[in-house]
Amino acid sequence: MCLAPVQLYWNEILKDYIIPGKFDPTFMITHRVPLEDMAKLYQVFDKREAGVIKVFVETKASSPPMPGCPKTSRVDDWGHGDPGVSLAGDL
């Protein structure tokens, strides 16, 4: 298993690219689910179903979805089973 040296570069990436708006990492988010769906999410992710790649896990402290990001959805509503279909919501 390889580990990414995120902490080594995080300050530079955040201050030089993300905060000034030169890079928007939200394009990578494919789904947004409530914390209560974590057990089901792990099963779907493990099987690579419903196009799940990067998931924002919503808690009570989370802000509403930003424009261009997936809206909150429930794992049971994705109609998973076809790994080639992404049902990420309104991207």
PDB file of N, CA and C in Angstrom:
ATOM      1  N   MET A   1       0.844  -1.172   0.000  1.00  0.00           N
ATOM      2  CA  MET A   1       0.000   0.000   0.000  1.00  0.00           C
ATOM      3  C   MET A   1       0.890   1.237   0.000  1.00  0.00           C
ATOM      4  N   CYS A   2       0.540   2.203  -0.826  1.00  0.00           N
ATOM      5  CA  CYS A   2       1.282   3.464  -0.903  1.00  0.00           C
ATOM      6  C   CYS A   2       0.533   4.539  -0.141  1.00  0.00           C
ATOM      7  N   LEU A   3       1.274   5.410   0.469  1.00  0.00           N
ATOM      8  CA  LEU A   3       0.680   6.527   1.183  1.00  0.00           C
ATOM      9  C   LEU A   3       1.062   7.822   0.491  1.00  0.00           C
ATOM     10  N   ALA A   4       0.118   8.741   0.390  1.00  0.00           N
ATOM     11  CA  ALA A   4       0.394  10.038  -0.217  1.00  0.00           C
ATOM     12  C   ALA A   4       0.961  10.973   0.854  1.00  0.00           C
ATOM     13  N   PRO A   5       2.017  11.721   0.526  1.00  0.00           N
ATOM     14  CA  PRO A   5       2.618  12.639   1.500  1.00  0.00           C
ATOM     15  C   PRO A   5       1.826  13.943   1.600  1.00  0.00           C
ATOM     16  N   VAL A   6       0.538  13.829   1.895  1.00  0.00           N
ATOM     17  CA  VAL A   6      -0.356  14.991   1.890  1.00  0.00           C
ATOM     18  C   VAL A   6       0.106  16.067   2.866  1.00  0.00           C
ATOM     19  N   GLN A   7       0.465  15.678   4.072  1.00  0.00           N
ATOM     20  CA  GLN A   7       0.846  16.673   5.072  1.00  0.00           C
ATOM     21  C   GLN A   7       2.072  17.472   4.651  1.00  0.00           C
ATOM     22  N   LEU A   8       2.948  16.861   3.877  1.00  0.00           N
ATOM     23  CA  LEU A   8       4.150  17.556   3.416  1.00  0.00           C
ATOM     24  C   LEU A   8       3.807  18.730   2.515  1.00  0.00           C
ATOM     25  N   TYR A   9       2.773  18.591   1.700  1.00  0.00           N
ATOM     26  CA  TYR A   9       2.420  19.615   0.719  1.00  0.00           C
ATOM     27  C   TYR A   9       1.130  20.359   1.026  1.00  0.00           C
ATOM     28  N   TRP A  10       0.405  19.970   2.065  1.00  0.00           N
ATOM     29  CA  TRP A  10      -0.914  20.518   2.320  1.00  0.00           C
ATOM     30  C   TRP A  10      -0.937  22.041   2.448  1.00  0.00           C
ATOM     31  N   ASN A  11      -0.048  22.632   3.231  1.00  0.00           N
ATOM     32  CA  ASN A  11      -0.046  24.088   3.409  1.00  0.00           C
ATOM     33  C   ASN A  11       0.148  24.814   2.083  1.00  0.00           C
ATOM     34  N   GLU A  12       1.078  24.342   1.276  1.00  0.00           N
ATOM     35  CA  GLU A  12       1.323  24.964  -0.029  1.00  0.00           C
ATOM     36  C   GLU A  12       0.101  24.828  -0.938  1.00  0.00           C
ATOM     37  N   ILE A  13      -0.465  23.645  -1.017  1.00  0.00           N
ATOM     38  CA  ILE A  13      -1.633  23.414  -1.874  1.00  0.00           C
ATOM     39  C   ILE A  13      -2.811  24.276  -1.424  1.00  0.00           C
ATOM     40  N   LEU A  14      -3.058  24.302  -0.130  1.00  0.00           N
ATOM     41  CA  LEU A  14      -4.173  25.063   0.407  1.00  0.00           C
ATOM     42  C   LEU A  14      -3.995  26.567   0.179  1.00  0.00           C
ATOM     43  N   LYS A  15      -2.841  27.097   0.586  1.00  0.00           N
ATOM     44  CA  LYS A  15      -2.611  28.547   0.509  1.00  0.00           C
ATOM     45  C   LYS A  15      -2.365  29.058  -0.904  1.00  0.00           C
ATOM     46  N   ASP A  16      -1.677  28.276  -1.726  1.00  0.00           N
ATOM     47  CA  ASP A  16      -1.308  28.756  -3.065  1.00  0.00           C
ATOM     48  C   ASP A  16      -2.306  28.402  -4.155  1.00  0.00           C
ATOM     49  N   TYR A  17      -3.130  27.400  -3.932  1.00  0.00           N
ATOM     50  CA  TYR A  17      -4.015  26.943  -5.006  1.00  0.00           C
ATOM     51  C   TYR A  17      -5.499  26.931  -4.645  1.00  0.00           C
ATOM     52  N   ILE A  18      -5.858  26.313  -3.525  1.00  0.00           N
ATOM     53  CA  ILE A  18      -7.271  26.157  -3.201  1.00  0.00           C
ATOM     54  C   ILE A  18      -7.900  27.469  -2.722  1.00  0.00           C
ATOM     55  N   ILE A  19      -7.311  28.118  -1.731  1.00  0.00           N
ATOM     56  CA  ILE A  19      -7.885  29.359  -1.200  1.00  0.00           C
ATOM     57  C   ILE A  19      -7.967  30.450  -2.267  1.00  0.00           C
ATOM     58  N   PRO A  20      -6.921  30.664  -3.081  1.00  0.00           N
ATOM     59  CA  PRO A  20      -7.024  31.703  -4.124  1.00  0.00           C
ATOM     60  C   PRO A  20      -7.930  31.315  -5.299  1.00  0.00           C
ATOM     61  N   GLY A  21      -8.405  30.086  -5.327  1.00  0.00           N
ATOM     62  CA  GLY A  21      -9.304  29.666  -6.390  1.00  0.00           C
ATOM     63  C   GLY A  21      -8.616  29.197  -7.665  1.00  0.00           C
ATOM     64  N   LYS A  22      -7.323  28.907  -7.600  1.00  0.00           N
ATOM     65  CA  LYS A  22      -6.610  28.396  -8.772  1.00  0.00           C
ATOM     66  C   LYS A  22      -6.942  26.928  -9.042  1.00  0.00           C
ATOM     67  N   PHE A  23      -7.378  26.233  -8.008  1.00  0.00           N
ATOM     68  CA  PHE A  23      -7.729  24.812  -8.142  1.00  0.00           C
ATOM     69  C   PHE A  23      -8.938  24.526  -7.270  1.00  0.00           C
ATOM     70  N   ASP A  24      -9.954  23.896  -7.846  1.00  0.00           N
ATOM     71  CA  ASP A  24     -11.159  23.539  -7.115  1.00  0.00           C
ATOM     72  C   ASP A  24     -11.242  22.018  -7.032  1.00  0.00           C
ATOM     73  N   PRO A  25     -10.943  21.440  -5.870  1.00  0.00           N
ATOM     74  CA  PRO A  25     -10.926  19.974  -5.745  1.00  0.00           C
ATOM     75  C   PRO A  25     -12.311  19.333  -5.682  1.00  0.00           C
ATOM     76  N   THR A  26     -13.368  20.127  -5.671  1.00  0.00           N
ATOM     77  CA  THR A  26     -14.701  19.547  -5.513  1.00  0.00           C
ATOM     78  C   THR A  26     -15.139  18.726  -6.723  1.00  0.00           C
ATOM     79  N   PHE A  27     -14.469  18.869  -7.861  1.00  0.00           N
ATOM     80  CA  PHE A  27     -14.851  18.085  -9.034  1.00  0.00           C
ATOM     81  C   PHE A  27     -14.675  16.584  -8.792  1.00  0.00           C
ATOM     82  N   MET A  28     -13.868  16.235  -7.809  1.00  0.00           N
ATOM     83  CA  MET A  28     -13.607  14.819  -7.527  1.00  0.00           C
ATOM     84  C   MET A  28     -14.716  14.150  -6.727  1.00  0.00           C
ATOM     85  N   ILE A  29     -15.585  14.933  -6.097  1.00  0.00           N
ATOM     86  CA  ILE A  29     -16.624  14.374  -5.239  1.00  0.00           C
ATOM     87  C   ILE A  29     -17.737  13.793  -6.106  1.00  0.00           C
ATOM     88  N   THR A  30     -17.971  12.490  -5.972  1.00  0.00           N
ATOM     89  CA  THR A  30     -18.990  11.835  -6.783  1.00  0.00           C
ATOM     90  C   THR A  30     -20.312  11.671  -6.042  1.00  0.00           C
ATOM     91  N   HIS A  31     -20.270  11.647  -4.707  1.00  0.00           N
ATOM     92  CA  HIS A  31     -21.474  11.421  -3.917  1.00  0.00           C
ATOM     93  C   HIS A  31     -21.383  12.191  -2.603  1.00  0.00           C
ATOM     94  N   ARG A  32     -22.538  12.461  -2.017  1.00  0.00           N
ATOM     95  CA  ARG A  32     -22.635  13.071  -0.686  1.00  0.00           C
ATOM     96  C   ARG A  32     -23.687  12.280   0.067  1.00  0.00           C
ATOM     97  N   VAL A  33     -23.319  11.706   1.200  1.00  0.00           N
ATOM     98  CA  VAL A  33     -24.240  10.864   1.964  1.00  0.00           C
ATOM     99  C   VAL A  33     -24.229  11.258   3.434  1.00  0.00           C
ATOM    100  N   PRO A  34     -25.342  11.008   4.121  1.00  0.00           N
ATOM    101  CA  PRO A  34     -25.362  11.251   5.562  1.00  0.00           C
ATOM    102  C   PRO A  34     -24.540  10.199   6.302  1.00  0.00           C
ATOM    103  N   LEU A  35     -24.028  10.579   7.435  1.00  0.00           N
ATOM    104  CA  LEU A  35     -23.199   9.693   8.251  1.00  0.00           C
ATOM    105  C   LEU A  35     -23.895   8.367   8.549  1.00  0.00           C
ATOM    106  N   GLU A  36     -25.193   8.396   8.669  1.00  0.00           N
ATOM    107  CA  GLU A  36     -25.959   7.180   8.982  1.00  0.00           C
ATOM    108  C   GLU A  36     -25.826   6.108   7.898  1.00  0.00           C
ATOM    109  N   ASP A  37     -25.419   6.476   6.701  1.00  0.00           N
ATOM    110  CA  ASP A  37     -25.297   5.526   5.585  1.00  0.00           C
ATOM    111  C   ASP A  37     -23.904   4.895   5.465  1.00  0.00           C
ATOM    112  N   MET A  38     -23.031   5.121   6.432  1.00  0.00           N
ATOM    113  CA  MET A  38     -21.644   4.662   6.298  1.00  0.00           C
ATOM    114  C   MET A  38     -21.513   3.159   6.079  1.00  0.00           C
ATOM    115  N   ALA A  39     -22.236   2.348   6.809  1.00  0.00           N
ATOM    116  CA  ALA A  39     -22.114   0.890   6.655  1.00  0.00           C
ATOM    117  C   ALA A  39     -22.505   0.468   5.242  1.00  0.00           C
ATOM    118  N   LYS A  40     -23.585   1.011   4.723  1.00  0.00           N
ATOM    119  CA  LYS A  40     -24.014   0.684   3.362  1.00  0.00           C
ATOM    120  C   LYS A  40     -23.046   1.256   2.331  1.00  0.00           C
ATOM    121  N   LEU A  41     -22.530   2.445   2.618  1.00  0.00           N
ATOM    122  CA  LEU A  41     -21.567   3.073   1.706  1.00  0.00           C
ATOM    123  C   LEU A  41     -20.327   2.199   1.544  1.00  0.00           C
ATOM    124  N   TYR A  42     -19.811   1.670   2.638  1.00  0.00           N
ATOM    125  CA  TYR A  42     -18.624   0.809   2.557  1.00  0.00           C
ATOM    126  C   TYR A  42     -18.876  -0.400   1.662  1.00  0.00           C
ATOM    127  N   GLN A  43     -20.052  -0.989   1.759  1.00  0.00           N
ATOM    128  CA  GLN A  43     -20.376  -2.154   0.927  1.00  0.00           C
ATOM    129  C   GLN A  43     -20.399  -1.782  -0.557  1.00  0.00           C
ATOM    130  N   VAL A  44     -21.045  -0.669  -0.888  1.00  0.00           N
ATOM    131  CA  VAL A  44     -21.142  -0.224  -2.285  1.00  0.00           C
ATOM    132  C   VAL A  44     -19.766   0.166  -2.813  1.00  0.00           C
ATOM    133  N   PHE A  45     -18.979   0.882  -1.994  1.00  0.00           N
ATOM    134  CA  PHE A  45     -17.641   1.300  -2.406  1.00  0.00           C
ATOM    135  C   PHE A  45     -16.739   0.089  -2.652  1.00  0.00           C
ATOM    136  N   ASP A  46     -16.813  -0.881  -1.771  1.00  0.00           N
ATOM    137  CA  ASP A  46     -15.981  -2.079  -1.897  1.00  0.00           C
ATOM    138  C   ASP A  46     -16.263  -2.836  -3.190  1.00  0.00           C
ATOM    139  N   LYS A  47     -17.498  -2.814  -3.631  1.00  0.00           N
ATOM    140  CA  LYS A  47     -17.893  -3.499  -4.869  1.00  0.00           C
ATOM    141  C   LYS A  47     -17.768  -2.603  -6.103  1.00  0.00           C
ATOM    142  N   ARG A  48     -17.363  -1.360  -5.892  1.00  0.00           N
ATOM    143  CA  ARG A  48     -17.219  -0.383  -6.983  1.00  0.00           C
ATOM    144  C   ARG A  48     -18.538  -0.183  -7.736  1.00  0.00           C
ATOM    145  N   GLU A  49     -19.628  -0.118  -6.989  1.00  0.00           N
ATOM    146  CA  GLU A  49     -20.946   0.064  -7.592  1.00  0.00           C
ATOM    147  C   GLU A  49     -21.334   1.542  -7.605  1.00  0.00           C
ATOM    148  N   ALA A  50     -22.264   1.887  -8.475  1.00  0.00           N
ATOM    149  CA  ALA A  50     -22.893   3.216  -8.543  1.00  0.00           C
ATOM    150  C   ALA A  50     -21.901   4.341  -8.804  1.00  0.00           C
ATOM    151  N   GLY A  51     -20.741   4.022  -9.352  1.00  0.00           N
ATOM    152  CA  GLY A  51     -19.778   5.071  -9.682  1.00  0.00           C
ATOM    153  C   GLY A  51     -19.164   5.763  -8.480  1.00  0.00           C
ATOM    154  N   VAL A  52     -19.165   5.115  -7.334  1.00  0.00           N
ATOM    155  CA  VAL A  52     -18.637   5.713  -6.112  1.00  0.00           C
ATOM    156  C   VAL A  52     -17.110   5.805  -6.196  1.00  0.00           C
ATOM    157  N   ILE A  53     -16.604   7.038  -6.089  1.00  0.00           N
ATOM    158  CA  ILE A  53     -15.158   7.253  -6.117  1.00  0.00           C
ATOM    159  C   ILE A  53     -14.726   8.040  -4.886  1.00  0.00           C
ATOM    160  N   LYS A  54     -15.201   9.270  -4.762  1.00  0.00           N
ATOM    161  CA  LYS A  54     -14.903  10.117  -3.598  1.00  0.00           C
ATOM    162  C   LYS A  54     -16.218  10.571  -3.002  1.00  0.00           C
ATOM    163  N   VAL A  55     -16.387  10.361  -1.716  1.00  0.00           N
ATOM    164  CA  VAL A  55     -17.654  10.648  -1.068  1.00  0.00           C
ATOM    165  C   VAL A  55     -17.461  11.681   0.040  1.00  0.00           C
ATOM    166  N   PHE A  56     -18.345  12.673   0.049  1.00  0.00           N
ATOM    167  CA  PHE A  56     -18.410  13.622   1.153  1.00  0.00           C
ATOM    168  C   PHE A  56     -19.391  13.045   2.148  1.00  0.00           C
ATOM    169  N   VAL A  57     -18.942  12.783   3.368  1.00  0.00           N
ATOM    170  CA  VAL A  57     -19.809  12.235   4.405  1.00  0.00           C
ATOM    171  C   VAL A  57     -20.338  13.405   5.234  1.00  0.00           C
ATOM    172  N   GLU A  58     -21.633  13.564   5.183  1.00  0.00           N
ATOM    173  CA  GLU A  58     -22.304  14.700   5.807  1.00  0.00           C
ATOM    174  C   GLU A  58     -22.613  14.412   7.265  1.00  0.00           C
ATOM    175  N   THR A  59     -22.261  15.360   8.136  1.00  0.00           N
ATOM    176  CA  THR A  59     -22.584  15.273   9.555  1.00  0.00           C
ATOM    177  C   THR A  59     -23.528  16.419   9.909  1.00  0.00           C
ATOM    178  N   LYS A  60     -23.940  16.488  11.137  1.00  0.00           N
ATOM    179  CA  LYS A  60     -24.809  17.581  11.575  1.00  0.00           C
ATOM    180  C   LYS A  60     -24.098  18.929  11.455  1.00  0.00           C
ATOM    181  N   ALA A  61     -22.781  18.940  11.488  1.00  0.00           N
ATOM    182  CA  ALA A  61     -22.018  20.187  11.413  1.00  0.00           C
ATOM    183  C   ALA A  61     -21.670  20.593   9.976  1.00  0.00           C
ATOM    184  N   SER A  62     -22.021  19.773   8.991  1.00  0.00           N
ATOM    185  CA  SER A  62     -21.675  20.066   7.597  1.00  0.00           C
ATOM    186  C   SER A  62     -22.477  21.239   7.057  1.00  0.00           C
ATOM    187  N   SER A  63     -21.830  22.021   6.206  1.00  0.00           N
ATOM    188  CA  SER A  63     -22.514  23.095   5.489  1.00  0.00           C
ATOM    189  C   SER A  63     -23.309  22.475   4.348  1.00  0.00           C
ATOM    190  N   PRO A  64     -24.279  23.205   3.796  1.00  0.00           N
ATOM    191  CA  PRO A  64     -25.010  22.690   2.637  1.00  0.00           C
ATOM    192  C   PRO A  64     -24.059  22.474   1.459  1.00  0.00           C
ATOM    193  N   PRO A  65     -24.444  21.649   0.494  1.00  0.00           N
ATOM    194  CA  PRO A  65     -23.580  21.421  -0.672  1.00  0.00           C
ATOM    195  C   PRO A  65     -23.319  22.721  -1.428  1.00  0.00           C
ATOM    196  N   MET A  66     -22.092  22.887  -1.885  1.00  0.00           N
ATOM    197  CA  MET A  66     -21.731  24.046  -2.702  1.00  0.00           C
ATOM    198  C   MET A  66     -22.256  23.842  -4.119  1.00  0.00           C
ATOM    199  N   PRO A  67     -22.435  24.927  -4.871  1.00  0.00           N
ATOM    200  CA  PRO A  67     -22.843  24.776  -6.274  1.00  0.00           C
ATOM    201  C   PRO A  67     -21.867  23.873  -7.023  1.00  0.00           C
ATOM    202  N   GLY A  68     -22.399  22.987  -7.826  1.00  0.00           N
ATOM    203  CA  GLY A  68     -21.563  22.076  -8.600  1.00  0.00           C
ATOM    204  C   GLY A  68     -21.218  20.786  -7.890  1.00  0.00           C
ATOM    205  N   CYS A  69     -21.543  20.695  -6.609  1.00  0.00           N
ATOM    206  CA  CYS A  69     -21.272  19.478  -5.843  1.00  0.00           C
ATOM    207  C   CYS A  69     -22.538  18.630  -5.759  1.00  0.00           C
ATOM    208  N   PRO A  70     -22.377  17.320  -5.580  1.00  0.00           N
ATOM    209  CA  PRO A  70     -23.558  16.457  -5.463  1.00  0.00           C
ATOM    210  C   PRO A  70     -24.423  16.844  -4.266  1.00  0.00           C
ATOM    211  N   LYS A  71     -25.720  16.721  -4.450  1.00  0.00           N
ATOM    212  CA  LYS A  71     -26.646  16.918  -3.339  1.00  0.00           C
ATOM    213  C   LYS A  71     -26.647  15.652  -2.489  1.00  0.00           C
ATOM    214  N   THR A  72     -27.107  15.784  -1.255  1.00  0.00           N
ATOM    215  CA  THR A  72     -27.167  14.640  -0.354  1.00  0.00           C
ATOM    216  C   THR A  72     -28.129  13.590  -0.909  1.00  0.00           C
ATOM    217  N   SER A  73     -27.659  12.357  -0.907  1.00  0.00           N
ATOM    218  CA  SER A  73     -28.492  11.244  -1.349  1.00  0.00           C
ATOM    219  C   SER A  73     -28.277  10.074  -0.405  1.00  0.00           C
ATOM    220  N   ARG A  74     -29.182   9.111  -0.475  1.00  0.00           N
ATOM    221  CA  ARG A  74     -29.089   7.931   0.369  1.00  0.00           C
ATOM    222  C   ARG A  74     -28.603   6.763  -0.476  1.00  0.00           C
ATOM    223  N   VAL A  75     -27.742   5.935   0.081  1.00  0.00           N
ATOM    224  CA  VAL A  75     -27.178   4.794  -0.634  1.00  0.00           C
ATOM    225  C   VAL A  75     -28.280   3.902  -1.197  1.00  0.00           C
ATOM    226  N   ASP A  76     -29.347   3.693  -0.450  1.00  0.00           N
ATOM    227  CA  ASP A  76     -30.435   2.824  -0.911  1.00  0.00           C
ATOM    228  C   ASP A  76     -31.143   3.367  -2.153  1.00  0.00           C
ATOM    229  N   ASP A  77     -31.005   4.658  -2.411  1.00  0.00           N
ATOM    230  CA  ASP A  77     -31.673   5.285  -3.555  1.00  0.00           C
ATOM    231  C   ASP A  77     -30.835   5.279  -4.828  1.00  0.00           C
ATOM    232  N   TRP A  78     -29.609   4.795  -4.789  1.00  0.00           N
ATOM    233  CA  TRP A  78     -28.716   4.871  -5.939  1.00  0.00           C
ATOM    234  C   TRP A  78     -29.010   3.851  -7.019  1.00  0.00           C
ATOM    235  N   GLY A  79     -29.744   2.799  -6.721  1.00  0.00           N
ATOM    236  CA  GLY A  79     -29.997   1.770  -7.721  1.00  0.00           C
ATOM    237  C   GLY A  79     -28.708   1.077  -8.127  1.00  0.00           C
ATOM    238  N   HIS A  80     -27.817   0.834  -7.158  1.00  0.00           N
ATOM    239  CA  HIS A  80     -26.519   0.221  -7.457  1.00  0.00           C
ATOM    240  C   HIS A  80     -26.678  -1.187  -7.992  1.00  0.00           C
ATOM    241  N   GLY A  81     -25.640  -1.641  -8.614  1.00  0.00           N
ATOM    242  CA  GLY A  81     -25.641  -2.952  -9.250  1.00  0.00           C
ATOM    243  C   GLY A  81     -24.938  -2.891 -10.595  1.00  0.00           C
ATOM    244  N   ASP A  82     -24.977  -1.731 -11.241  1.00  0.00           N
ATOM    245  CA  ASP A  82     -24.285  -1.553 -12.521  1.00  0.00           C
ATOM    246  C   ASP A  82     -23.058  -0.681 -12.264  1.00  0.00           C
ATOM    247  N   PRO A  83     -21.863  -1.273 -12.180  1.00  0.00           N
ATOM    248  CA  PRO A  83     -20.666  -0.508 -11.849  1.00  0.00           C
ATOM    249  C   PRO A  83     -20.302   0.546 -12.879  1.00  0.00           C
ATOM    250  N   GLY A  84     -20.902   0.513 -14.057  1.00  0.00           N
ATOM    251  CA  GLY A  84     -20.581   1.511 -15.073  1.00  0.00           C
ATOM    252  C   GLY A  84     -21.476   2.715 -15.035  1.00  0.00           C
ATOM    253  N   VAL A  85     -22.425   2.745 -14.101  1.00  0.00           N
ATOM    254  CA  VAL A  85     -23.374   3.846 -14.043  1.00  0.00           C
ATOM    255  C   VAL A  85     -23.085   4.709 -12.822  1.00  0.00           C
ATOM    256  N   SER A  86     -22.927   5.996 -13.033  1.00  0.00           N
ATOM    257  CA  SER A  86     -22.738   6.922 -11.922  1.00  0.00           C
ATOM    258  C   SER A  86     -24.052   7.626 -11.649  1.00  0.00           C
ATOM    259  N   LEU A  87     -24.533   7.487 -10.444  1.00  0.00           N
ATOM    260  CA  LEU A  87     -25.766   8.148 -10.048  1.00  0.00           C
ATOM    261  C   LEU A  87     -25.440   9.175  -8.976  1.00  0.00           C
ATOM    262  N   ALA A  88     -24.501  10.068  -9.282  1.00  0.00           N
ATOM    263  CA  ALA A  88     -23.986  10.997  -8.288  1.00  0.00           C
ATOM    264  C   ALA A  88     -24.940  12.139  -7.974  1.00  0.00           C
ATOM    265  N   GLY A  89     -26.039  12.240  -8.654  1.00  0.00           N
ATOM    266  CA  GLY A  89     -26.949  13.339  -8.365  1.00  0.00           C
ATOM    267  C   GLY A  89     -26.698  14.500  -9.292  1.00  0.00           C
ATOM    268  N   ASP A  90     -27.006  15.695  -8.853  1.00  0.00           N
ATOM    269  CA  ASP A  90     -26.873  16.895  -9.689  1.00  0.00           C
ATOM    270  C   ASP A  90     -25.461  17.417  -9.623  1.00  0.00           C
ATOM    271  N   LEU A  91     -24.646  17.096 -10.586  1.00  0.00           N
ATOM    272  CA  LEU A  91     -23.279  17.611 -10.633  1.00  0.00           C
ATOM    273  C   LEU A  91     -23.231  18.856 -11.456  1.00  0.00           C
TER     274      LEU A  91
END
